[in-house]
Amino acid sequence: MSWSVVIAEDYKMVREVFAATVRASDNYRLAAAFPTAAEALDWCRVSPADLVLMDVLIPGSISGLEAARAIKALRPETKIIIVTSMPELSFLRQAREIGVDSFWYKEVQEQPLLEIMDRTMAGESVYPSASPVVAMGNASSADLTEREAEVLRELVSGAGNREIAAKLGITENTVKMHITNMLQKTGYHSRLELAVKARHLGVAIRE
């Protein structure tokens, strides 16, 4: 018996690598591979899969995490492994809240993907020990406090101080303080540079 696998990954080369990994093992068979999460969700609605490999940031109407939530609600028995190269801190938390079975970073591979697949299908929930640490000017992503990361995530989305304050339930002065602290830590010269660098590095992403 082999487990059926559905892949949702927008980069063709990476999708083909995942497909080759599936085909290389007698324990799995490739059911389908899609460039969007929405297509993977549609497939799972009509054709149950044993395992879904799902990227987070993927073109289309829904993100990988949104699709994972929908698949778990529809077919809780389906195992899901989130795969991403982005160190955004909230992705790990969101995946756990959704009930995603395992989580794997493409760029920082603590274990090979096939090993994660095998352990997941054996009933384990395999998550990395921490998000990857990325250099941010004179600091690193690990130097940001949880609140600073929340402010930065809203800043990256284009929100102003008043909007950020309302969203997070803090004062505008507190927002300014956190942004100033992040600029001092990183050495970046403006809030725009901070936002652009954070988004480019994948440190702060709003889905």
Protein backbone atom coordinates (compact mmCIF):
# COMPACT_ATOMS: atom_id res chain seq x y z
CA MET A 1 0.00 0.00 0.00
CA SER A 2 1.23 3.52 -0.81
CA TRP A 3 -0.07 6.84 0.48
CA SER A 4 -1.44 9.37 -2.02
CA VAL A 5 0.23 12.79 -2.04
CA VAL A 6 -0.98 16.15 -3.34
CA ILE A 7 1.53 18.96 -3.85
CA ALA A 8 0.76 22.70 -3.87
CA GLU A 9 3.87 24.70 -4.82
CA ASP A 10 4.03 27.61 -7.25
CA TYR A 11 7.67 27.28 -8.31
CA LYS A 12 7.84 24.65 -11.04
CA MET A 13 11.37 23.50 -10.22
CA VAL A 14 10.58 23.04 -6.52
CA ARG A 15 7.29 21.32 -7.40
CA GLU A 16 9.21 18.88 -9.59
CA VAL A 17 11.75 18.21 -6.81
CA PHE A 18 8.89 17.41 -4.42
CA ALA A 19 7.30 15.17 -7.04
CA ALA A 20 10.60 13.34 -7.55
CA THR A 21 10.90 12.84 -3.78
CA VAL A 22 7.43 11.28 -3.70
CA ARG A 23 8.13 9.01 -6.66
CA ALA A 24 11.47 7.89 -5.19
CA SER A 25 9.73 6.15 -2.28
CA ASP A 26 7.64 2.98 -2.51
CA ASN A 27 5.55 4.34 0.38
CA TYR A 28 4.02 7.16 -1.68
CA ARG A 29 2.35 7.86 -4.99
CA LEU A 30 1.82 11.26 -6.55
CA ALA A 31 -1.89 11.95 -6.91
CA ALA A 32 -1.60 15.52 -8.21
CA ALA A 33 0.64 18.60 -8.20
CA PHE A 34 -0.65 22.15 -8.52
CA PRO A 35 0.80 25.70 -8.65
CA THR A 36 -1.95 27.08 -6.38
CA ALA A 37 -3.41 26.20 -3.00
CA ALA A 38 -6.95 26.67 -4.32
CA GLU A 39 -6.46 23.87 -6.85
CA ALA A 40 -5.15 21.54 -4.16
CA LEU A 41 -8.18 22.34 -2.01
CA ASP A 42 -10.55 21.68 -4.92
CA TRP A 43 -8.84 18.32 -5.51
CA CYS A 44 -9.20 17.34 -1.86
CA ARG A 45 -12.90 18.19 -1.94
CA VAL A 46 -13.56 15.43 -4.49
CA SER A 47 -10.57 13.10 -4.20
CA PRO A 48 -9.29 12.43 -0.66
CA ALA A 49 -5.52 12.50 -0.25
CA ASP A 50 -3.46 10.90 2.49
CA LEU A 51 -0.88 13.70 2.57
CA VAL A 52 -0.70 17.28 1.27
CA LEU A 53 2.55 19.20 0.87
CA MET A 54 1.49 22.85 0.96
CA ASP A 55 3.50 26.02 0.38
CA VAL A 56 2.36 29.11 2.33
CA LEU A 57 2.93 32.06 0.01
CA ILE A 58 1.43 30.93 -3.23
CA PRO A 59 -0.43 32.80 -5.99
CA GLY A 60 -4.19 32.55 -6.22
CA SER A 61 -7.28 33.34 -4.23
CA ILE A 62 -6.15 31.72 -0.96
CA SER A 63 -2.88 31.15 0.87
CA GLY A 64 -1.46 27.77 1.79
CA LEU A 65 -2.48 28.25 5.43
CA GLU A 66 -6.05 29.14 4.44
CA ALA A 67 -6.22 26.07 2.21
CA ALA A 68 -4.80 23.91 5.00
CA ARG A 69 -7.48 25.16 7.38
CA ALA A 70 -10.20 24.32 4.86
CA ILE A 71 -8.78 20.86 4.14
CA LYS A 72 -8.55 20.06 7.85
CA ALA A 73 -12.16 21.15 8.34
CA LEU A 74 -13.28 19.06 5.38
CA ARG A 75 -11.07 16.01 5.87
CA PRO A 76 -9.38 16.02 9.30
CA GLU A 77 -7.78 12.65 8.56
CA THR A 78 -5.66 14.16 5.76
CA LYS A 79 -2.10 14.84 6.90
CA ILE A 80 -0.67 18.23 5.93
CA ILE A 81 2.94 19.40 5.87
CA ILE A 82 3.46 23.12 5.41
CA VAL A 83 6.61 23.90 3.42
CA THR A 84 8.06 27.40 3.18
CA SER A 85 11.29 29.32 2.74
CA MET A 86 10.00 32.37 4.62
CA PRO A 87 11.10 32.91 8.26
CA GLU A 88 7.92 34.86 9.15
CA LEU A 89 7.44 34.07 12.84
CA SER A 90 3.65 33.83 12.75
CA PHE A 91 3.59 30.99 10.22
CA LEU A 92 4.61 28.40 12.83
CA ARG A 93 1.96 29.64 15.28
CA GLN A 94 -0.77 29.75 12.66
CA ALA A 95 0.06 26.26 11.43
CA ARG A 96 -0.21 24.83 14.94
CA GLU A 97 -3.51 26.64 15.54
CA ILE A 98 -4.94 25.24 12.30
CA GLY A 99 -3.89 21.72 13.20
CA VAL A 100 -1.26 21.30 10.48
CA ASP A 101 0.57 18.06 11.21
CA SER A 102 4.14 19.08 10.37
CA PHE A 103 6.17 22.07 9.19
CA TRP A 104 9.32 22.10 7.04
CA TYR A 105 11.63 24.93 5.97
CA LYS A 106 12.97 24.55 2.45
CA GLU A 107 16.12 26.54 3.09
CA VAL A 108 16.98 25.24 6.58
CA GLN A 109 16.51 21.50 6.52
CA GLU A 110 16.87 20.00 9.98
CA GLN A 111 15.65 16.69 8.49
CA PRO A 112 15.12 15.61 4.86
CA LEU A 113 11.60 16.09 3.53
CA LEU A 114 11.09 12.34 3.04
CA GLU A 115 11.92 11.74 6.69
CA ILE A 116 9.37 14.39 7.72
CA MET A 117 6.79 12.71 5.48
CA ASP A 118 7.46 9.27 6.97
CA ARG A 119 7.30 10.54 10.55
CA THR A 120 4.12 12.49 9.82
CA MET A 121 2.39 9.48 8.30
CA ALA A 122 3.50 7.46 11.35
CA GLY A 123 1.50 9.83 13.53
CA GLU A 124 4.15 12.32 14.62
CA SER A 125 3.80 16.08 14.48
CA VAL A 126 7.17 17.38 13.35
CA TYR A 127 7.96 21.08 13.73
CA PRO A 128 11.32 22.87 13.54
CA SER A 129 12.92 23.94 16.80
CA ALA A 130 12.65 27.61 15.76
CA SER A 131 12.17 29.91 12.81
CA PRO A 132 15.32 30.59 10.78
CA VAL A 133 17.33 33.59 11.97
CA VAL A 134 17.88 36.22 9.28
CA ALA A 135 20.31 39.15 9.37
CA MET A 136 18.58 42.55 9.40
CA GLY A 137 21.21 45.25 9.06
CA ASN A 138 23.10 45.43 12.35
CA ALA A 139 20.70 43.00 14.05
CA SER A 140 18.89 39.75 13.30
CA SER A 141 15.27 38.66 13.25
CA ALA A 142 15.90 36.97 16.62
CA ASP A 143 16.57 40.39 18.16
CA LEU A 144 13.00 41.55 17.58
CA THR A 145 10.55 41.26 20.44
CA GLU A 146 7.17 39.66 19.82
CA ARG A 147 5.46 43.07 19.94
CA GLU A 148 8.03 44.58 17.57
CA ALA A 149 7.36 41.75 15.13
CA GLU A 150 3.62 42.45 15.33
CA VAL A 151 4.17 46.15 14.65
CA LEU A 152 6.54 45.34 11.80
CA ARG A 153 4.01 42.99 10.22
CA GLU A 154 1.44 45.79 10.13
CA LEU A 155 4.04 48.29 8.90
CA VAL A 156 4.91 45.99 6.00
CA SER A 157 1.25 45.92 5.00
CA GLY A 158 1.37 49.69 4.51
CA ALA A 159 -0.52 50.69 7.66
CA GLY A 160 0.15 54.03 9.34
CA ASN A 161 0.79 54.51 13.04
CA ARG A 162 -2.88 55.17 13.84
CA GLU A 163 -4.00 52.02 11.99
CA ILE A 164 -1.30 49.91 13.65
CA ALA A 165 -2.25 51.25 17.08
CA ALA A 166 -5.94 50.46 16.53
CA LYS A 167 -5.19 46.98 15.18
CA LEU A 168 -2.90 46.02 18.08
CA GLY A 169 -4.74 47.86 20.85
CA ILE A 170 -1.83 50.13 21.76
CA THR A 171 -1.18 53.87 21.57
CA GLU A 172 0.36 55.67 18.60
CA ASN A 173 3.28 56.71 20.81
CA THR A 174 3.92 53.05 21.61
CA VAL A 175 3.90 52.24 17.89
CA LYS A 176 6.43 55.03 17.28
CA MET A 177 8.58 53.72 20.13
CA HIS A 178 8.67 50.20 18.69
CA ILE A 179 9.54 51.46 15.21
CA THR A 180 12.30 53.68 16.66
CA ASN A 181 13.68 50.72 18.61
CA MET A 182 13.74 48.57 15.48
CA LEU A 183 15.50 51.30 13.50
CA GLN A 184 18.11 51.64 16.25
CA LYS A 185 18.66 47.87 16.39
CA THR A 186 18.95 47.37 12.62
CA GLY A 187 20.63 50.62 11.64
CA TYR A 188 18.09 51.18 8.87
CA HIS A 189 17.47 54.83 8.11
CA SER A 190 13.70 55.00 7.72
CA ARG A 191 10.50 53.11 8.41
CA LEU A 192 10.19 52.56 4.64
CA GLU A 193 13.61 50.90 4.48
CA LEU A 194 12.70 48.81 7.52
CA ALA A 195 9.45 47.66 5.93
CA VAL A 196 11.00 46.93 2.53
CA LYS A 197 13.90 44.95 4.02
CA ALA A 198 11.62 42.98 6.35
CA ARG A 199 9.31 42.01 3.49
CA HIS A 200 12.19 41.13 1.16
CA LEU A 201 13.82 38.93 3.80
CA GLY A 202 10.51 37.25 4.64
CA VAL A 203 10.74 38.31 8.29
CA ALA A 204 7.37 40.07 8.36
CA ILE A 205 4.63 39.04 5.96
CA ARG A 206 0.91 39.66 5.92
CA GLU A 207 -0.82 36.92 3.92
